[in-house]
C-alpha atoms as a PDB file:
ATOM      1  CA  MET A   1      23.289   6.931   1.833  1.00  0.00           C
ATOM      2  CA  SER A   2      19.664   6.788   2.947  1.00  0.00           C
ATOM      3  CA  LYS A   3      16.775   6.057   0.673  1.00  0.00           C
ATOM      4  CA  ARG A   4      14.524   8.900  -0.254  1.00  0.00           C
ATOM      5  CA  PRO A   5      10.818   8.619   0.764  1.00  0.00           C
ATOM      6  CA  ARG A   6       8.590   7.243  -2.022  1.00  0.00           C
ATOM      7  CA  THR A   7       5.080   8.619  -2.450  1.00  0.00           C
ATOM      8  CA  PHE A   8       1.967   6.524  -3.139  1.00  0.00           C
ATOM      9  CA  LYS A   9      -1.754   6.847  -3.375  1.00  0.00           C
ATOM     10  CA  LEU A  10      -3.313   4.344  -0.889  1.00  0.00           C
ATOM     11  CA  ARG A  11      -6.776   3.051  -0.437  1.00  0.00           C
ATOM     12  CA  ALA A  12      -8.375   0.176   1.525  1.00  0.00           C
ATOM     13  CA  LEU A  13     -10.444  -2.520  -0.208  1.00  0.00           C
ATOM     14  CA  HIS A  14     -13.941  -1.282   0.657  1.00  0.00           C
ATOM     15  CA  SER A  15     -13.174   2.433   0.878  1.00  0.00           C
ATOM     16  CA  GLN A  16     -13.614   5.173  -1.630  1.00  0.00           C
ATOM     17  CA  ASP A  17     -11.109   7.293   0.332  1.00  0.00           C
ATOM     18  CA  LYS A  18      -7.643   7.576  -1.098  1.00  0.00           C
ATOM     19  CA  TYR A  19      -4.649   9.109   0.733  1.00  0.00           C
ATOM     20  CA  GLY A  20      -1.139  10.177  -0.146  1.00  0.00           C
ATOM     21  CA  VAL A  21       1.388   8.229   1.873  1.00  0.00           C
ATOM     22  CA  ALA A  22       5.192   8.472   1.774  1.00  0.00           C
ATOM     23  CA  GLY A  23       7.713   6.014   3.101  1.00  0.00           C
ATOM     24  CA  LYS A  24      11.299   4.828   2.563  1.00  0.00           C
ATOM     25  CA  ASN A  25      10.274   1.124   2.452  1.00  0.00           C
ATOM     26  CA  CYS A  26       7.282  -1.165   2.059  1.00  0.00           C
ATOM     27  CA  GLN A  27       6.920  -1.717   5.860  1.00  0.00           C
ATOM     28  CA  GLU A  28       6.836   2.073   6.537  1.00  0.00           C
ATOM     29  CA  VAL A  29       4.018   2.608   3.949  1.00  0.00           C
ATOM     30  CA  LEU A  30       2.118  -0.373   5.328  1.00  0.00           C
ATOM     31  CA  LEU A  31       2.365   0.965   8.885  1.00  0.00           C
ATOM     32  CA  LYS A  32       1.258   4.450   7.897  1.00  0.00           C
ATOM     33  CA  GLY A  33      -1.647   3.031   5.860  1.00  0.00           C
ATOM     34  CA  CYS A  34      -2.820   0.855   8.726  1.00  0.00           C
ATOM     35  CA  GLN A  35      -2.725   3.866  11.042  1.00  0.00           C
ATOM     36  CA  LYS A  36      -4.632   6.048   8.550  1.00  0.00           C
ATOM     37  CA  PHE A  37      -7.341   3.441   7.986  1.00  0.00           C
ATOM     38  CA  GLN A  38      -7.321   2.324  11.635  1.00  0.00           C
ATOM     39  CA  LEU A  39      -6.493  -1.298  10.798  1.00  0.00           C
ATOM     40  CA  PRO A  40      -4.253  -3.717  12.705  1.00  0.00           C
ATOM     41  CA  ILE A  41      -0.905  -4.161  10.971  1.00  0.00           C
ATOM     42  CA  SER A  42      -0.832  -7.892  11.662  1.00  0.00           C
ATOM     43  CA  GLY A  43      -1.603  -9.789   8.458  1.00  0.00           C
ATOM     44  CA  CYS A  44      -2.133  -6.686   6.329  1.00  0.00           C
ATOM     45  CA  ARG A  45      -0.408  -6.422   2.972  1.00  0.00           C
ATOM     46  CA  LEU A  46       0.101  -3.886   0.207  1.00  0.00           C
ATOM     47  CA  CYS A  47      -0.929  -4.666  -3.339  1.00  0.00           C
ATOM     48  CA  LEU A  48      -0.992  -2.800  -6.607  1.00  0.00           C
ATOM     49  CA  TYR A  49      -4.503  -1.349  -7.177  1.00  0.00           C
ATOM     50  CA  GLU A  50      -4.442  -2.090 -10.938  1.00  0.00           C
ATOM     51  CA  ASP A  51      -3.840  -5.844 -10.764  1.00  0.00           C
ATOM     52  CA  GLY A  52      -3.558  -7.023  -7.166  1.00  0.00           C
ATOM     53  CA  THR A  53       0.123  -7.862  -7.269  1.00  0.00           C
ATOM     54  CA  GLU A  54       1.389  -8.129  -3.664  1.00  0.00           C
ATOM     55  CA  LEU A  55       4.382  -5.918  -2.990  1.00  0.00           C
ATOM     56  CA  THR A  56       7.728  -7.189  -1.871  1.00  0.00           C
ATOM     57  CA  GLU A  57      10.536  -4.850  -0.813  1.00  0.00           C
ATOM     58  CA  GLY A  58      12.369  -5.250  -4.087  1.00  0.00           C
ATOM     59  CA  TYR A  59       9.295  -4.588  -6.215  1.00  0.00           C
ATOM     60  CA  PHE A  60       8.377  -1.649  -4.045  1.00  0.00           C
ATOM     61  CA  GLN A  61      11.651   0.059  -4.732  1.00  0.00           C
ATOM     62  CA  ARG A  62      11.084  -0.172  -8.507  1.00  0.00           C
ATOM     63  CA  LEU A  63       7.597   1.485  -8.518  1.00  0.00           C
ATOM     64  CA  PRO A  64       7.250   5.094  -9.740  1.00  0.00           C
ATOM     65  CA  ASP A  65       6.008   7.713  -7.350  1.00  0.00           C
ATOM     66  CA  ASN A  66       2.255   8.110  -7.094  1.00  0.00           C
ATOM     67  CA  THR A  67       1.539   4.475  -7.926  1.00  0.00           C
ATOM     68  CA  GLU A  68      -1.881   3.559  -6.565  1.00  0.00           C
ATOM     69  CA  LEU A  69      -1.739   0.821  -3.859  1.00  0.00           C
ATOM     70  CA  MET A  70      -4.373  -1.054  -1.989  1.00  0.00           C
ATOM     71  CA  LEU A  71      -4.250  -2.154   1.637  1.00  0.00           C
ATOM     72  CA  LEU A  72      -5.720  -5.690   2.183  1.00  0.00           C
ATOM     73  CA  THR A  73      -6.488  -7.171   5.577  1.00  0.00           C
ATOM     74  CA  PRO A  74      -6.402 -10.896   6.409  1.00  0.00           C
ATOM     75  CA  GLY A  75      -9.078 -12.751   4.501  1.00  0.00           C
ATOM     76  CA  GLN A  76      -9.563 -10.070   1.852  1.00  0.00           C
ATOM     77  CA  ALA A  77      -8.779 -10.731  -1.800  1.00  0.00           C
ATOM     78  CA  TRP A  78      -8.237  -8.318  -4.656  1.00  0.00           C
ATOM     79  CA  GLN A  79     -11.340  -8.119  -6.809  1.00  0.00           C
ATOM     80  CA  GLY A  80     -10.265  -5.861  -9.625  1.00  0.00           C
ATOM     81  CA  CYS A  81     -10.264  -2.107  -9.902  1.00  0.00           C
ATOM     82  CA  LYS A  82     -13.365  -0.290 -11.013  1.00  0.00           C
END
């Protein structure tokens, strides 16, 4: 049985743009996000927008649809949501 795609709202750290992204796993959402924001995938990570928690695959599978995520590149740190 295959996993159903999960939907998320995704933004980059210094961007006001927010996009809907769907994926069956954390890696797929990360890849699509990096493509959308034209970022290299190497070293990028997905975090919860509300508190900066970095996503693992297990945590990703427990999130509700339309959770807001943030894409962080190497050297960037979560600084709180506005």
